[in-house]
């Protein structure tokens, strides 16, 4: 009938260092954040890894590590994946 599955999603800001997620949406009303995400190439369906949480958020996206601010990280929603 139905195959059981689990779905875990959250804001990128809530990932633990080393966790990987698939971007499911970018939710913000702030046009400057939306433009920043587009210019960085952060779009739905792509994978992203949180490398460091403190003092700055460092993410790895398309084999490039970059620093992002917490407000931007809050706008990125991911589905947590293993590995």
C-alpha atoms as a PDB file:
ATOM      1  CA  UNK A   1       0.000   0.000   0.000  1.00  0.00           C
ATOM      2  CA  UNK A   2       2.067   2.974   1.240  1.00  0.00           C
ATOM      3  CA  UNK A   3       5.768   2.914   1.927  1.00  0.00           C
ATOM      4  CA  UNK A   4       6.546   4.454   5.322  1.00  0.00           C
ATOM      5  CA  UNK A   5       8.925   7.385   5.232  1.00  0.00           C
ATOM      6  CA  UNK A   6      10.018  10.208   7.459  1.00  0.00           C
ATOM      7  CA  UNK A   7      10.401  13.852   6.612  1.00  0.00           C
ATOM      8  CA  UNK A   8      12.581  16.165   8.636  1.00  0.00           C
ATOM      9  CA  UNK A   9      12.752  19.774   7.617  1.00  0.00           C
ATOM     10  CA  UNK A  10      13.928  22.958   9.273  1.00  0.00           C
ATOM     11  CA  UNK A  11      15.573  26.294   8.759  1.00  0.00           C
ATOM     12  CA  UNK A  12      19.233  26.077   7.740  1.00  0.00           C
ATOM     13  CA  UNK A  13      20.061  27.953  10.946  1.00  0.00           C
ATOM     14  CA  UNK A  14      18.893  24.943  13.010  1.00  0.00           C
ATOM     15  CA  UNK A  15      21.192  22.357  11.408  1.00  0.00           C
ATOM     16  CA  UNK A  16      24.108  21.031  13.412  1.00  0.00           C
ATOM     17  CA  UNK A  17      27.640  21.359  12.015  1.00  0.00           C
ATOM     18  CA  UNK A  18      28.231  18.583   9.484  1.00  0.00           C
ATOM     19  CA  UNK A  19      24.545  18.072   8.690  1.00  0.00           C
ATOM     20  CA  UNK A  20      23.431  18.152   5.081  1.00  0.00           C
ATOM     21  CA  UNK A  21      20.139  19.337   3.681  1.00  0.00           C
ATOM     22  CA  UNK A  22      18.332  19.660   0.381  1.00  0.00           C
ATOM     23  CA  UNK A  23      16.907  23.143  -0.073  1.00  0.00           C
ATOM     24  CA  UNK A  24      13.114  22.904  -0.184  1.00  0.00           C
ATOM     25  CA  UNK A  25      12.241  26.609  -0.100  1.00  0.00           C
ATOM     26  CA  UNK A  26      13.481  30.108   0.538  1.00  0.00           C
ATOM     27  CA  UNK A  27      10.950  32.024   2.616  1.00  0.00           C
ATOM     28  CA  UNK A  28      11.461  35.741   3.056  1.00  0.00           C
ATOM     29  CA  UNK A  29       9.583  38.946   2.408  1.00  0.00           C
ATOM     30  CA  UNK A  30      12.869  40.878   2.315  1.00  0.00           C
ATOM     31  CA  UNK A  31      13.738  41.519  -1.323  1.00  0.00           C
ATOM     32  CA  UNK A  32      17.439  42.099  -0.524  1.00  0.00           C
ATOM     33  CA  UNK A  33      17.721  38.614   1.033  1.00  0.00           C
ATOM     34  CA  UNK A  34      15.886  37.087  -1.930  1.00  0.00           C
ATOM     35  CA  UNK A  35      18.320  38.768  -4.352  1.00  0.00           C
ATOM     36  CA  UNK A  36      21.301  37.658  -2.243  1.00  0.00           C
ATOM     37  CA  UNK A  37      20.140  34.017  -2.351  1.00  0.00           C
ATOM     38  CA  UNK A  38      19.684  34.165  -6.115  1.00  0.00           C
ATOM     39  CA  UNK A  39      23.098  35.770  -6.635  1.00  0.00           C
ATOM     40  CA  UNK A  40      24.724  33.052  -4.492  1.00  0.00           C
ATOM     41  CA  UNK A  41      22.976  30.374  -6.570  1.00  0.00           C
ATOM     42  CA  UNK A  42      21.004  29.024  -3.628  1.00  0.00           C
ATOM     43  CA  UNK A  43      17.881  27.523  -5.182  1.00  0.00           C
ATOM     44  CA  UNK A  44      15.444  24.746  -4.346  1.00  0.00           C
ATOM     45  CA  UNK A  45      16.600  21.203  -4.986  1.00  0.00           C
ATOM     46  CA  UNK A  46      20.298  21.861  -4.342  1.00  0.00           C
ATOM     47  CA  UNK A  47      22.213  20.378  -1.424  1.00  0.00           C
ATOM     48  CA  UNK A  48      23.904  22.451   1.259  1.00  0.00           C
ATOM     49  CA  UNK A  49      26.048  21.494   4.269  1.00  0.00           C
ATOM     50  CA  UNK A  50      26.401  23.506   7.465  1.00  0.00           C
ATOM     51  CA  UNK A  51      30.122  23.416   8.258  1.00  0.00           C
ATOM     52  CA  UNK A  52      30.218  25.790  11.235  1.00  0.00           C
ATOM     53  CA  UNK A  53      27.541  27.273  13.499  1.00  0.00           C
ATOM     54  CA  UNK A  54      29.487  29.662  15.729  1.00  0.00           C
ATOM     55  CA  UNK A  55      30.710  32.393  15.713  1.00  0.00           C
ATOM     56  CA  UNK A  56      29.671  32.653  12.045  1.00  0.00           C
ATOM     57  CA  UNK A  57      27.547  30.348   9.911  1.00  0.00           C
ATOM     58  CA  UNK A  58      29.711  28.718   7.273  1.00  0.00           C
ATOM     59  CA  UNK A  59      27.992  26.620   4.632  1.00  0.00           C
ATOM     60  CA  UNK A  60      29.291  24.530   1.766  1.00  0.00           C
ATOM     61  CA  UNK A  61      27.345  24.802  -1.447  1.00  0.00           C
ATOM     62  CA  UNK A  62      28.535  23.635  -4.889  1.00  0.00           C
ATOM     63  CA  UNK A  63      31.930  22.720  -3.352  1.00  0.00           C
ATOM     64  CA  UNK A  64      32.419  26.322  -2.177  1.00  0.00           C
ATOM     65  CA  UNK A  65      32.470  27.334   1.482  1.00  0.00           C
ATOM     66  CA  UNK A  66      30.906  30.694   2.290  1.00  0.00           C
ATOM     67  CA  UNK A  67      29.806  32.685   5.313  1.00  0.00           C
ATOM     68  CA  UNK A  68      26.163  33.704   5.573  1.00  0.00           C
ATOM     69  CA  UNK A  69      24.373  35.770   8.189  1.00  0.00           C
ATOM     70  CA  UNK A  70      21.737  34.293  10.483  1.00  0.00           C
ATOM     71  CA  UNK A  71      18.884  36.245   8.884  1.00  0.00           C
ATOM     72  CA  UNK A  72      19.712  34.697   5.515  1.00  0.00           C
ATOM     73  CA  UNK A  73      20.055  31.228   7.079  1.00  0.00           C
ATOM     74  CA  UNK A  74      16.594  31.594   8.644  1.00  0.00           C
ATOM     75  CA  UNK A  75      15.118  32.152   5.177  1.00  0.00           C
ATOM     76  CA  UNK A  76      16.510  28.873   3.784  1.00  0.00           C
ATOM     77  CA  UNK A  77      14.434  25.774   4.574  1.00  0.00           C
ATOM     78  CA  UNK A  78      15.985  22.364   4.061  1.00  0.00           C
ATOM     79  CA  UNK A  79      15.042  18.696   4.223  1.00  0.00           C
ATOM     80  CA  UNK A  80      17.693  17.043   6.380  1.00  0.00           C
ATOM     81  CA  UNK A  81      19.416  14.103   4.673  1.00  0.00           C
ATOM     82  CA  UNK A  82      21.911  11.491   5.837  1.00  0.00           C
ATOM     83  CA  UNK A  83      25.493  11.703   4.638  1.00  0.00           C
END
